[in-house]
């Protein structure tokens, strides 16, 4: 029982002579209370990884995107490496049964032909080319364009946002006014004009064209983060110790903006996929004899009612890739944001 002296002195209530909660029990073993109160310390990186791995939509999207990438680059080969599929995307042939797909997924007990791939699972186009090979080639080009756009736009947006957010005066004014000018002009219009002029240079040049107009949103996000971080105490302390601006930017501020940059980079990849599709649909994107998912949709848009599979397959891959990248970005945002409650750490 608790004595009056214990209450006056502020000692915890409990039987007289009992040890405080959490102290080791006789024999050197921790008490049950201490075992229940044990907390595992985790670093920020471990918490982010743990939250991201618990995001089911992001994990499912990574699995689907991985399958798409492996299927696209292993089936018809890449950079001279042969693939396992028997047809090339540019090999013409004889159109059989109006080029209808031979893929069958309806079991025989439901009146179907069972599960089989057939000779041309995605069908054939007007020239008798295997449409599965064409779709895989289009997926390769679209993914490469999206990857280049993501890397280039992230680097350009981060550099411009960091410089305009850290430095004041003329540097900030010039960079942000230039960014505002790019933002005011519709992205599709700029990309169409540049694509018309430089689109014949191939997918890599087209990717640079798309990246030239998609870095602005990231630059504004990074600038906002730098404006917030540059007034923090640890930055002021580093500045007071004589740290140079380059060290402050790369060692103190930039690591605290990795979450924003990572999320924005994934979203720029999804934007690049859709923008490349729009440009190719309008005739300003990838040019024949090469192909992309957007070019396939544009080429066979009039076959939507007569031979819809020529429109469906590239459209399905465009939607799948864009959704997967967006879900991955959503998972990264939830993982980097400690205020999110949807994914528990």
Foldseek 3Di string as FASTA:
>chain_A
DDDPVCVVVVHDDDDPPDDDQQDDDPPRHTDPRVVVPDDDDDDLVVLLVQLLVQQVLLVVLVVVVVVLVCCLCAAQHDPPGGHDHPFAQPDFDDADPVFAAPAWPDPVVVVTPHGDRPDQRLGADPRRGRVVNQLSLQAVLLLVLLVLLLVLLLVVLLVLLLQLQQDDDPSVVVSVVVLVVLVVDDLLVQLLVLLQVCQVVASNSSSVSSSVRLNSVSSNVSSVQSNVQCPDPVNVVCVVVPDDPVCCSPPPRVVLCVLVSVLSSLLSSLVSSVSLLVSLLVPSHHDPPGHHLSVQLNVCVVCCPPRVSSNPSSVVVNVSNSSNSNSSSVSSNQSSDPPDDPGDD
